[in-house]
């Protein structure tokens, strides 16, 4: 059934032009299809669809995630481009300098310009 198909995150943007600048200039995404409905970014073997919506930033959980290598290096690189990483302190779930360390690996989260939470994981 649905497991036979590709899944992709759809991310809302109150200001699509501002969001595009963030994804293209800070994260390095290249636009694929651009339509009045939004823009598709092809990311490795998947894609992300960014579309206009007044509900952007209303999700308080991770909206999209990336499984990455060298998370600490990537966090430093993104910080150099102005990306701000979230800090969490929920008991055993505590980030230090934006990075959560667990026995399984590392994780970090940032918000895009529209308030969508993007997660990065490594080794999990």
N, C-alpha and C. Protein backbone atom coordinates (compact mmCIF):
# COMPACT_ATOMS: atom_id res chain seq x y z
N UNK A 1 0.83 -1.18 0.00
CA UNK A 1 0.00 0.00 0.00
C UNK A 1 0.89 1.26 0.00
N UNK A 2 0.80 2.12 0.99
CA UNK A 2 1.58 3.35 0.99
C UNK A 2 3.08 3.12 1.10
N UNK A 3 3.49 1.97 1.60
CA UNK A 3 4.91 1.69 1.72
C UNK A 3 5.58 1.52 0.36
N UNK A 4 4.79 1.44 -0.70
CA UNK A 4 5.33 1.31 -2.06
C UNK A 4 5.66 2.66 -2.69
N UNK A 5 5.40 3.75 -1.99
CA UNK A 5 5.55 5.08 -2.57
C UNK A 5 6.56 5.93 -1.81
N UNK A 6 7.04 6.96 -2.48
CA UNK A 6 7.98 7.90 -1.87
C UNK A 6 7.22 8.87 -0.98
N UNK A 7 7.75 9.10 0.20
CA UNK A 7 7.17 10.05 1.12
C UNK A 7 8.02 11.31 1.12
N UNK A 8 7.38 12.47 1.21
CA UNK A 8 8.14 13.72 1.24
C UNK A 8 7.47 14.70 2.19
N UNK A 9 8.27 15.48 2.90
CA UNK A 9 7.69 16.48 3.78
C UNK A 9 7.17 17.68 2.99
N UNK A 10 6.10 18.26 3.47
CA UNK A 10 5.56 19.50 2.93
C UNK A 10 5.66 20.54 4.03
N UNK A 11 6.33 21.63 3.74
CA UNK A 11 6.58 22.65 4.74
C UNK A 11 5.88 23.96 4.38
N UNK A 12 5.06 24.48 5.29
CA UNK A 12 4.36 25.73 5.01
C UNK A 12 5.26 26.95 5.19
N UNK A 13 4.93 28.00 4.46
CA UNK A 13 5.68 29.26 4.56
C UNK A 13 4.70 30.43 4.51
N UNK A 14 4.73 31.27 5.52
CA UNK A 14 3.92 32.49 5.49
C UNK A 14 4.44 33.40 4.39
N UNK A 15 5.76 33.51 4.28
CA UNK A 15 6.40 34.35 3.26
C UNK A 15 7.27 33.42 2.41
N UNK A 16 6.74 32.99 1.28
CA UNK A 16 7.44 32.02 0.45
C UNK A 16 8.77 32.56 -0.08
N UNK A 17 8.82 33.82 -0.44
CA UNK A 17 10.08 34.39 -0.94
C UNK A 17 11.14 34.36 0.15
N UNK A 18 10.79 34.74 1.36
CA UNK A 18 11.74 34.72 2.49
C UNK A 18 12.21 33.29 2.76
N UNK A 19 11.26 32.35 2.76
CA UNK A 19 11.60 30.94 3.01
C UNK A 19 12.52 30.41 1.91
N UNK A 20 12.24 30.76 0.67
CA UNK A 20 13.11 30.32 -0.43
C UNK A 20 14.52 30.82 -0.25
N UNK A 21 14.68 32.08 0.16
CA UNK A 21 16.03 32.62 0.37
C UNK A 21 16.75 31.79 1.45
N UNK A 22 16.06 31.43 2.52
CA UNK A 22 16.66 30.63 3.59
C UNK A 22 17.10 29.26 3.06
N UNK A 23 16.19 28.56 2.39
CA UNK A 23 16.50 27.21 1.90
C UNK A 23 17.57 27.22 0.81
N UNK A 24 17.56 28.21 -0.02
CA UNK A 24 18.50 28.26 -1.13
C UNK A 24 19.84 28.87 -0.73
N UNK A 25 19.83 29.95 0.03
CA UNK A 25 21.08 30.63 0.37
C UNK A 25 21.76 30.04 1.61
N UNK A 26 21.01 29.70 2.63
CA UNK A 26 21.63 29.19 3.86
C UNK A 26 21.81 27.67 3.85
N UNK A 27 20.83 26.95 3.29
CA UNK A 27 20.91 25.49 3.30
C UNK A 27 21.44 24.92 1.99
N UNK A 28 21.53 25.72 0.96
CA UNK A 28 22.11 25.28 -0.30
C UNK A 28 21.19 24.47 -1.19
N UNK A 29 19.89 24.51 -0.97
CA UNK A 29 18.95 23.77 -1.81
C UNK A 29 18.85 24.45 -3.18
N UNK A 30 18.66 23.64 -4.20
CA UNK A 30 18.44 24.13 -5.55
C UNK A 30 16.97 23.88 -5.89
N UNK A 31 16.26 24.91 -6.36
CA UNK A 31 14.84 24.70 -6.68
C UNK A 31 14.67 23.77 -7.87
N UNK A 32 13.69 22.90 -7.75
CA UNK A 32 13.30 22.03 -8.85
C UNK A 32 12.12 22.67 -9.54
N UNK A 33 10.97 22.06 -9.39
CA UNK A 33 9.76 22.61 -9.99
C UNK A 33 9.27 23.80 -9.16
N UNK A 34 8.96 24.90 -9.84
CA UNK A 34 8.40 26.08 -9.19
C UNK A 34 7.06 26.35 -9.86
N UNK A 35 6.00 26.33 -9.05
CA UNK A 35 4.65 26.58 -9.56
C UNK A 35 3.97 27.60 -8.63
N UNK A 36 2.81 28.08 -9.01
CA UNK A 36 2.08 28.98 -8.10
C UNK A 36 1.75 28.30 -6.75
N UNK A 37 1.72 26.97 -6.74
CA UNK A 37 1.41 26.24 -5.51
C UNK A 37 2.61 26.14 -4.57
N UNK A 38 3.82 26.36 -5.08
CA UNK A 38 5.01 26.26 -4.24
C UNK A 38 6.23 25.83 -5.02
N UNK A 39 7.25 25.44 -4.27
CA UNK A 39 8.51 25.03 -4.89
C UNK A 39 8.93 23.67 -4.33
N UNK A 40 9.43 22.83 -5.22
CA UNK A 40 9.94 21.51 -4.83
C UNK A 40 11.45 21.55 -4.86
N UNK A 41 12.06 21.05 -3.80
CA UNK A 41 13.51 20.89 -3.73
C UNK A 41 13.80 19.39 -3.72
N UNK A 42 14.65 18.94 -4.62
CA UNK A 42 15.05 17.53 -4.64
C UNK A 42 16.25 17.38 -3.73
N UNK A 43 16.14 16.47 -2.80
CA UNK A 43 17.15 16.27 -1.76
C UNK A 43 17.54 14.80 -1.77
N UNK A 44 18.72 14.50 -2.32
CA UNK A 44 19.19 13.13 -2.42
C UNK A 44 18.12 12.30 -3.12
N UNK A 45 17.56 11.29 -2.47
CA UNK A 45 16.54 10.43 -3.09
C UNK A 45 15.13 10.81 -2.69
N UNK A 46 14.93 12.03 -2.21
CA UNK A 46 13.60 12.46 -1.80
C UNK A 46 13.41 13.92 -2.20
N UNK A 47 12.37 14.52 -1.71
CA UNK A 47 12.14 15.93 -2.01
C UNK A 47 11.37 16.59 -0.87
N UNK A 48 11.39 17.91 -0.87
CA UNK A 48 10.65 18.72 0.08
C UNK A 48 9.83 19.70 -0.73
N UNK A 49 8.58 19.87 -0.35
CA UNK A 49 7.71 20.83 -1.02
C UNK A 49 7.44 21.98 -0.06
N UNK A 50 7.78 23.19 -0.47
CA UNK A 50 7.60 24.40 0.31
C UNK A 50 6.44 25.17 -0.31
N UNK A 51 5.42 25.46 0.48
CA UNK A 51 4.21 26.06 -0.08
C UNK A 51 3.68 27.18 0.81
N UNK A 52 2.98 28.15 0.24
CA UNK A 52 2.45 29.25 1.03
C UNK A 52 1.30 28.80 1.93
N UNK A 53 1.33 29.24 3.19
CA UNK A 53 0.28 28.90 4.15
C UNK A 53 0.37 29.83 5.35
N UNK A 54 -0.76 30.22 5.87
CA UNK A 54 -0.77 31.04 7.07
C UNK A 54 -0.51 30.21 8.32
N UNK A 55 -0.44 28.89 8.20
CA UNK A 55 -0.24 28.01 9.35
C UNK A 55 1.22 27.65 9.60
N UNK A 56 2.13 28.25 8.88
CA UNK A 56 3.55 27.96 9.07
C UNK A 56 3.96 28.24 10.51
N UNK A 57 4.81 27.37 11.04
CA UNK A 57 5.33 27.55 12.38
C UNK A 57 4.41 27.13 13.49
N UNK A 58 3.23 26.60 13.17
CA UNK A 58 2.29 26.21 14.22
C UNK A 58 2.56 24.81 14.76
N UNK A 59 3.34 24.01 14.06
CA UNK A 59 3.72 22.69 14.53
C UNK A 59 4.88 22.84 15.52
N UNK A 60 4.73 22.36 16.73
CA UNK A 60 5.76 22.49 17.76
C UNK A 60 6.70 21.28 17.79
N UNK A 61 6.57 20.40 16.81
CA UNK A 61 7.41 19.21 16.72
C UNK A 61 8.23 19.28 15.44
N UNK A 62 9.16 18.36 15.28
CA UNK A 62 10.01 18.32 14.09
C UNK A 62 9.14 18.09 12.85
N UNK A 63 9.30 18.95 11.87
CA UNK A 63 8.51 18.86 10.63
C UNK A 63 9.23 18.06 9.56
N UNK A 64 10.55 18.10 9.56
CA UNK A 64 11.35 17.36 8.59
C UNK A 64 12.70 17.05 9.22
N UNK A 65 13.30 15.96 8.81
CA UNK A 65 14.58 15.57 9.38
C UNK A 65 15.54 15.06 8.33
N UNK A 66 16.82 15.20 8.66
CA UNK A 66 17.88 14.73 7.78
C UNK A 66 18.81 13.82 8.56
N UNK A 67 19.15 12.67 8.00
CA UNK A 67 20.15 11.78 8.56
C UNK A 67 21.47 12.19 7.93
N UNK A 68 22.39 12.72 8.74
CA UNK A 68 23.61 13.33 8.21
C UNK A 68 24.85 12.64 8.74
N UNK A 69 25.97 12.93 8.11
CA UNK A 69 27.27 12.52 8.64
C UNK A 69 27.94 13.77 9.20
N UNK A 70 28.85 13.61 10.12
CA UNK A 70 29.59 14.71 10.72
C UNK A 70 28.66 15.83 11.17
N UNK A 71 27.72 15.49 12.05
CA UNK A 71 26.73 16.45 12.52
C UNK A 71 27.38 17.69 13.13
N UNK A 72 28.41 17.50 13.94
CA UNK A 72 29.05 18.65 14.57
C UNK A 72 29.65 19.61 13.54
N UNK A 73 30.27 19.07 12.51
CA UNK A 73 30.82 19.90 11.45
C UNK A 73 29.74 20.62 10.66
N UNK A 74 28.63 19.91 10.40
CA UNK A 74 27.52 20.51 9.67
C UNK A 74 26.87 21.62 10.48
N UNK A 75 26.70 21.41 11.79
CA UNK A 75 26.14 22.45 12.66
C UNK A 75 27.03 23.69 12.61
N UNK A 76 28.33 23.49 12.69
CA UNK A 76 29.26 24.63 12.63
C UNK A 76 29.15 25.36 11.29
N UNK A 77 29.06 24.60 10.21
CA UNK A 77 28.95 25.21 8.89
C UNK A 77 27.66 26.02 8.75
N UNK A 78 26.55 25.44 9.20
CA UNK A 78 25.26 26.14 9.12
C UNK A 78 25.24 27.37 10.03
N UNK A 79 25.84 27.25 11.20
CA UNK A 79 25.94 28.43 12.08
C UNK A 79 26.70 29.56 11.39
N UNK A 80 27.72 29.20 10.66
CA UNK A 80 28.49 30.19 9.92
C UNK A 80 27.67 30.92 8.87
N UNK A 81 26.56 30.30 8.46
CA UNK A 81 25.66 30.93 7.50
C UNK A 81 24.48 31.61 8.19
N UNK A 82 24.52 31.64 9.52
CA UNK A 82 23.47 32.34 10.26
C UNK A 82 22.33 31.49 10.77
N UNK A 83 22.41 30.17 10.61
CA UNK A 83 21.36 29.29 11.13
C UNK A 83 21.51 29.20 12.64
N UNK A 84 20.41 29.37 13.35
CA UNK A 84 20.40 29.33 14.82
C UNK A 84 19.83 27.99 15.27
N UNK A 85 20.56 27.29 16.12
CA UNK A 85 20.12 25.98 16.59
C UNK A 85 19.37 26.11 17.91
N UNK A 86 18.38 25.26 18.07
CA UNK A 86 17.52 25.26 19.25
C UNK A 86 18.25 24.64 20.44
N UNK A 87 17.91 25.10 21.62
CA UNK A 87 18.41 24.51 22.86
C UNK A 87 17.22 23.91 23.60
N UNK A 88 17.35 22.66 24.03
CA UNK A 88 16.31 21.97 24.77
C UNK A 88 16.87 21.48 26.09
N UNK A 89 16.08 21.55 27.15
CA UNK A 89 16.46 21.03 28.46
C UNK A 89 15.23 20.40 29.08
N UNK A 90 15.09 19.08 28.84
CA UNK A 90 13.95 18.31 29.34
C UNK A 90 14.48 17.06 30.05
N UNK A 91 15.16 17.26 31.17
CA UNK A 91 15.72 16.14 31.91
C UNK A 91 16.88 15.52 31.17
N UNK A 92 16.73 14.24 30.80
CA UNK A 92 17.79 13.54 30.07
C UNK A 92 17.94 14.03 28.62
N UNK A 93 16.95 14.75 28.15
CA UNK A 93 16.95 15.28 26.78
C UNK A 93 17.44 16.72 26.86
N UNK A 94 18.76 16.90 26.78
CA UNK A 94 19.35 18.22 26.94
C UNK A 94 20.41 18.46 25.88
N UNK A 95 20.24 19.55 25.15
CA UNK A 95 21.25 19.91 24.16
C UNK A 95 22.32 20.75 24.83
N UNK A 96 23.52 20.65 24.32
CA UNK A 96 24.64 21.48 24.76
C UNK A 96 25.20 22.11 23.50
N UNK A 97 25.19 23.42 23.46
CA UNK A 97 25.63 24.14 22.27
C UNK A 97 24.85 23.68 21.04
N UNK A 98 23.55 23.40 21.24
CA UNK A 98 22.66 23.02 20.15
C UNK A 98 22.67 21.56 19.77
N UNK A 99 23.47 20.73 20.44
CA UNK A 99 23.60 19.32 20.04
C UNK A 99 23.21 18.40 21.20
N UNK A 100 22.36 17.43 20.89
CA UNK A 100 21.99 16.38 21.84
C UNK A 100 22.90 15.19 21.61
N UNK A 101 23.58 14.73 22.68
CA UNK A 101 24.42 13.54 22.58
C UNK A 101 23.75 12.41 23.33
N UNK A 102 23.59 11.27 22.66
CA UNK A 102 23.02 10.07 23.26
C UNK A 102 23.97 8.92 22.99
N UNK A 103 23.78 7.78 23.65
CA UNK A 103 24.63 6.63 23.33
C UNK A 103 24.50 6.18 21.87
N UNK A 104 23.37 6.49 21.25
CA UNK A 104 23.13 6.08 19.86
C UNK A 104 23.72 7.04 18.84
N UNK A 105 23.90 8.31 19.22
CA UNK A 105 24.40 9.28 18.26
C UNK A 105 24.10 10.71 18.66
N UNK A 106 24.06 11.58 17.67
CA UNK A 106 23.89 13.01 17.88
C UNK A 106 22.63 13.51 17.17
N UNK A 107 22.07 14.61 17.69
CA UNK A 107 20.93 15.25 17.05
C UNK A 107 20.98 16.75 17.30
N UNK A 108 20.38 17.51 16.40
CA UNK A 108 20.29 18.96 16.54
C UNK A 108 19.06 19.42 15.77
N UNK A 109 18.52 20.58 16.19
CA UNK A 109 17.32 21.12 15.56
C UNK A 109 17.48 22.61 15.34
N UNK A 110 16.90 23.11 14.25
CA UNK A 110 16.83 24.54 13.99
C UNK A 110 15.47 24.85 13.38
N UNK A 111 15.10 26.12 13.43
CA UNK A 111 13.86 26.56 12.80
C UNK A 111 14.20 27.32 11.53
N UNK A 112 13.39 27.12 10.51
CA UNK A 112 13.55 27.92 9.31
C UNK A 112 12.93 29.30 9.56
N UNK A 113 12.93 30.14 8.57
CA UNK A 113 12.40 31.50 8.74
C UNK A 113 10.90 31.51 9.02
N UNK A 114 10.22 30.40 8.77
CA UNK A 114 8.77 30.32 8.94
C UNK A 114 8.37 29.64 10.24
N UNK A 115 9.36 29.22 11.05
CA UNK A 115 9.08 28.57 12.32
C UNK A 115 8.97 27.06 12.25
N UNK A 116 9.20 26.47 11.07
CA UNK A 116 9.19 25.00 10.95
C UNK A 116 10.46 24.45 11.58
N UNK A 117 10.32 23.38 12.37
CA UNK A 117 11.46 22.79 13.05
C UNK A 117 12.07 21.70 12.16
N UNK A 118 13.36 21.83 11.88
CA UNK A 118 14.10 20.89 11.06
C UNK A 118 15.11 20.17 11.94
N UNK A 119 15.12 18.84 11.87
CA UNK A 119 16.03 18.05 12.69
C UNK A 119 17.17 17.45 11.89
N UNK A 120 18.29 17.30 12.56
CA UNK A 120 19.46 16.62 11.99
C UNK A 120 19.83 15.51 12.95
N UNK A 121 20.07 14.30 12.44
CA UNK A 121 20.53 13.21 13.29
C UNK A 121 21.74 12.56 12.65
N UNK A 122 22.57 11.96 13.48
CA UNK A 122 23.75 11.26 13.00
C UNK A 122 24.02 10.06 13.91
N UNK A 123 24.18 8.91 13.30
CA UNK A 123 24.54 7.72 14.06
C UNK A 123 23.38 7.03 14.75
N UNK A 124 22.18 7.49 14.56
CA UNK A 124 21.03 6.88 15.24
C UNK A 124 20.32 5.92 14.34
